[in-house]
Amino acid sequence: MTAGYIVGSLVGSFAIAYLCDTIVSDKKIFGGSIPSTVSNKEWLQATDAKFQAWPRTAGPPVVMNPISRQNFIVKSTE
């Protein structure tokens, strides 16, 4: 019987959270609009192209040793 109350209250709380999220986010009861950066596909493609054009610079790969908390540079086996 106790498990039924726990499961029922969890399901009920998730349902209330979903309804509140839908009303506030999707129905926009407090006003506002969706930014053009979210809804504009051309902006997304232009931004993605810009990020892909930047050169990637990084150091050698590093492996973390969680016991001694030291970083070790991974040597290639070649």
N, C-alpha and C. Protein backbone atom coordinates (compact mmCIF):
# COMPACT_ATOMS: atom_id res chain seq x y z
N MET A 1 0.82 -1.18 0.00
CA MET A 1 0.00 0.00 0.00
C MET A 1 0.87 1.26 0.00
N THR A 2 1.96 1.23 0.74
CA THR A 2 2.85 2.39 0.78
C THR A 2 3.50 2.62 -0.58
N ALA A 3 3.88 1.54 -1.26
CA ALA A 3 4.50 1.68 -2.58
C ALA A 3 3.52 2.33 -3.56
N GLY A 4 2.25 2.02 -3.42
CA GLY A 4 1.25 2.63 -4.29
C GLY A 4 1.16 4.13 -4.09
N TYR A 5 1.26 4.57 -2.84
CA TYR A 5 1.24 6.01 -2.57
C TYR A 5 2.49 6.69 -3.14
N ILE A 6 3.64 6.03 -3.00
CA ILE A 6 4.88 6.61 -3.50
C ILE A 6 4.85 6.71 -5.02
N VAL A 7 4.47 5.63 -5.68
CA VAL A 7 4.42 5.64 -7.14
C VAL A 7 3.38 6.64 -7.63
N GLY A 8 2.23 6.67 -6.99
CA GLY A 8 1.19 7.61 -7.40
C GLY A 8 1.62 9.05 -7.22
N SER A 9 2.30 9.35 -6.12
CA SER A 9 2.74 10.73 -5.91
C SER A 9 3.85 11.11 -6.88
N LEU A 10 4.73 10.16 -7.23
CA LEU A 10 5.77 10.45 -8.23
C LEU A 10 5.15 10.72 -9.60
N VAL A 11 4.21 9.90 -10.00
CA VAL A 11 3.54 10.11 -11.30
C VAL A 11 2.80 11.44 -11.29
N GLY A 12 2.12 11.74 -10.20
CA GLY A 12 1.39 13.00 -10.10
C GLY A 12 2.32 14.20 -10.14
N SER A 13 3.46 14.12 -9.45
CA SER A 13 4.38 15.26 -9.46
C SER A 13 5.00 15.46 -10.84
N PHE A 14 5.31 14.36 -11.56
CA PHE A 14 5.82 14.50 -12.92
C PHE A 14 4.77 15.09 -13.84
N ALA A 15 3.52 14.71 -13.67
CA ALA A 15 2.44 15.26 -14.50
C ALA A 15 2.28 16.75 -14.24
N ILE A 16 2.31 17.16 -12.99
CA ILE A 16 2.20 18.59 -12.68
C ILE A 16 3.39 19.36 -13.23
N ALA A 17 4.60 18.80 -13.09
CA ALA A 17 5.80 19.46 -13.63
C ALA A 17 5.72 19.60 -15.14
N TYR A 18 5.23 18.56 -15.83
CA TYR A 18 5.10 18.61 -17.29
C TYR A 18 4.09 19.68 -17.70
N LEU A 19 2.96 19.73 -17.01
CA LEU A 19 1.95 20.73 -17.35
C LEU A 19 2.47 22.15 -17.12
N CYS A 20 3.15 22.36 -16.00
CA CYS A 20 3.70 23.69 -15.73
C CYS A 20 4.74 24.08 -16.77
N ASP A 21 5.60 23.14 -17.14
CA ASP A 21 6.61 23.42 -18.16
C ASP A 21 5.98 23.74 -19.50
N THR A 22 4.98 22.98 -19.88
CA THR A 22 4.30 23.21 -21.16
C THR A 22 3.61 24.57 -21.18
N ILE A 23 2.93 24.89 -20.10
CA ILE A 23 2.21 26.16 -20.05
C ILE A 23 3.16 27.35 -20.08
N VAL A 24 4.24 27.27 -19.31
CA VAL A 24 5.17 28.40 -19.24
C VAL A 24 6.02 28.50 -20.51
N SER A 25 6.54 27.37 -21.01
CA SER A 25 7.46 27.41 -22.15
C SER A 25 6.77 27.52 -23.49
N ASP A 26 5.82 26.64 -23.72
CA ASP A 26 5.21 26.57 -25.03
C ASP A 26 4.06 27.55 -25.22
N LYS A 27 3.24 27.71 -24.22
CA LYS A 27 2.09 28.62 -24.33
C LYS A 27 2.47 30.07 -24.07
N LYS A 28 3.65 30.29 -23.47
CA LYS A 28 4.19 31.64 -23.22
C LYS A 28 3.19 32.49 -22.42
N ILE A 29 2.76 31.99 -21.27
CA ILE A 29 1.77 32.74 -20.48
C ILE A 29 2.37 34.01 -19.90
N PHE A 30 3.69 34.09 -19.78
CA PHE A 30 4.32 35.30 -19.26
C PHE A 30 4.81 36.21 -20.38
N GLY A 31 4.45 35.89 -21.62
CA GLY A 31 4.87 36.70 -22.75
C GLY A 31 6.18 36.21 -23.32
N GLY A 32 6.70 36.99 -24.26
CA GLY A 32 7.95 36.63 -24.89
C GLY A 32 7.74 35.88 -26.18
N SER A 33 8.82 35.62 -26.85
CA SER A 33 8.77 34.89 -28.12
C SER A 33 10.02 34.04 -28.24
N ILE A 34 10.02 33.16 -29.21
CA ILE A 34 11.18 32.30 -29.46
C ILE A 34 12.22 33.13 -30.19
N PRO A 35 13.47 33.13 -29.74
CA PRO A 35 14.51 33.91 -30.41
C PRO A 35 14.72 33.41 -31.83
N SER A 36 15.11 34.34 -32.70
CA SER A 36 15.33 33.95 -34.10
C SER A 36 16.52 33.02 -34.24
N THR A 37 17.45 33.06 -33.29
CA THR A 37 18.60 32.16 -33.36
C THR A 37 18.20 30.70 -33.13
N VAL A 38 17.07 30.47 -32.53
CA VAL A 38 16.59 29.11 -32.31
C VAL A 38 15.76 28.63 -33.49
N SER A 39 14.94 29.52 -34.06
CA SER A 39 14.00 29.10 -35.10
C SER A 39 14.54 29.28 -36.52
N ASN A 40 15.66 29.97 -36.70
CA ASN A 40 16.18 30.26 -38.03
C ASN A 40 17.22 29.21 -38.43
N LYS A 41 16.89 28.38 -39.42
CA LYS A 41 17.80 27.32 -39.86
C LYS A 41 19.03 27.89 -40.57
N GLU A 42 18.87 29.00 -41.27
CA GLU A 42 20.02 29.61 -41.96
C GLU A 42 21.05 30.10 -40.95
N TRP A 43 20.59 30.67 -39.83
CA TRP A 43 21.50 31.13 -38.79
C TRP A 43 22.28 29.96 -38.21
N LEU A 44 21.60 28.83 -37.99
CA LEU A 44 22.26 27.64 -37.46
C LEU A 44 23.34 27.14 -38.42
N GLN A 45 23.04 27.11 -39.71
CA GLN A 45 24.02 26.64 -40.69
C GLN A 45 25.21 27.59 -40.78
N ALA A 46 24.97 28.90 -40.74
CA ALA A 46 26.06 29.87 -40.80
C ALA A 46 26.94 29.78 -39.57
N THR A 47 26.33 29.61 -38.40
CA THR A 47 27.10 29.49 -37.17
C THR A 47 27.92 28.21 -37.16
N ASP A 48 27.32 27.12 -37.63
CA ASP A 48 28.03 25.85 -37.68
C ASP A 48 29.21 25.93 -38.65
N ALA A 49 29.01 26.59 -39.78
CA ALA A 49 30.09 26.74 -40.75
C ALA A 49 31.22 27.58 -40.16
N LYS A 50 30.88 28.61 -39.39
CA LYS A 50 31.90 29.45 -38.77
C LYS A 50 32.72 28.65 -37.76
N PHE A 51 32.04 27.86 -36.94
CA PHE A 51 32.76 27.08 -35.94
C PHE A 51 33.62 25.99 -36.58
N GLN A 52 33.16 25.40 -37.66
CA GLN A 52 33.95 24.37 -38.34
C GLN A 52 35.16 24.96 -39.05
N ALA A 53 35.12 26.25 -39.40
CA ALA A 53 36.23 26.88 -40.11
C ALA A 53 37.37 27.23 -39.18
N TRP A 54 37.12 27.36 -37.89
CA TRP A 54 38.19 27.71 -36.94
C TRP A 54 39.17 26.55 -36.83
N PRO A 55 40.46 26.86 -36.81
CA PRO A 55 41.43 25.77 -36.64
C PRO A 55 41.39 25.24 -35.21
N ARG A 56 41.53 23.96 -35.08
CA ARG A 56 41.54 23.34 -33.77
C ARG A 56 42.99 23.19 -33.30
N THR A 57 43.28 23.77 -32.16
CA THR A 57 44.62 23.64 -31.59
C THR A 57 44.48 23.03 -30.21
N ALA A 58 45.29 22.04 -29.95
CA ALA A 58 45.25 21.40 -28.64
C ALA A 58 46.59 20.76 -28.37
N GLY A 59 46.81 20.45 -27.14
CA GLY A 59 48.03 19.76 -26.75
C GLY A 59 47.89 18.28 -26.99
N PRO A 60 48.87 17.53 -26.53
CA PRO A 60 48.80 16.07 -26.69
C PRO A 60 47.69 15.49 -25.82
N PRO A 61 47.21 14.29 -26.14
CA PRO A 61 46.17 13.67 -25.32
C PRO A 61 46.68 13.42 -23.90
N VAL A 62 45.80 13.56 -22.94
CA VAL A 62 46.17 13.42 -21.53
C VAL A 62 45.26 12.37 -20.88
N VAL A 63 45.85 11.55 -20.02
CA VAL A 63 45.08 10.57 -19.27
C VAL A 63 45.15 10.96 -17.80
N MET A 64 44.01 10.98 -17.13
CA MET A 64 43.97 11.35 -15.72
C MET A 64 44.12 10.10 -14.86
N ASN A 65 45.04 10.16 -13.93
CA ASN A 65 45.21 9.08 -12.97
C ASN A 65 44.45 9.48 -11.71
N PRO A 66 43.29 8.87 -11.43
CA PRO A 66 42.47 9.34 -10.32
C PRO A 66 43.07 9.05 -8.94
N ILE A 67 44.03 8.14 -8.86
CA ILE A 67 44.59 7.80 -7.55
C ILE A 67 45.57 8.88 -7.09
N SER A 68 46.51 9.26 -7.96
CA SER A 68 47.50 10.26 -7.55
C SER A 68 47.14 11.66 -8.03
N ARG A 69 46.06 11.81 -8.78
CA ARG A 69 45.61 13.11 -9.28
C ARG A 69 46.68 13.81 -10.11
N GLN A 70 47.39 13.05 -10.92
CA GLN A 70 48.39 13.63 -11.79
C GLN A 70 48.00 13.37 -13.23
N ASN A 71 48.37 14.29 -14.08
CA ASN A 71 48.11 14.13 -15.51
C ASN A 71 49.37 13.57 -16.17
N PHE A 72 49.21 12.61 -17.03
CA PHE A 72 50.31 12.02 -17.76
C PHE A 72 50.06 12.19 -19.25
N ILE A 73 51.09 12.58 -19.99
CA ILE A 73 50.98 12.71 -21.44
C ILE A 73 51.08 11.31 -22.04
N VAL A 74 50.16 11.02 -22.94
CA VAL A 74 50.13 9.70 -23.58
C VAL A 74 51.13 9.70 -24.71
N LYS A 75 52.06 8.76 -24.66
CA LYS A 75 53.07 8.60 -25.71
C LYS A 75 52.51 7.69 -26.79
N SER A 76 52.79 8.04 -28.04
CA SER A 76 52.34 7.18 -29.13
C SER A 76 53.19 5.90 -29.14
N THR A 77 52.59 4.81 -29.59
CA THR A 77 53.29 3.52 -29.60
C THR A 77 54.13 3.33 -30.85
N GLU A 78 54.16 4.30 -31.71
CA GLU A 78 54.91 4.16 -32.95
C GLU A 78 56.37 4.45 -32.77
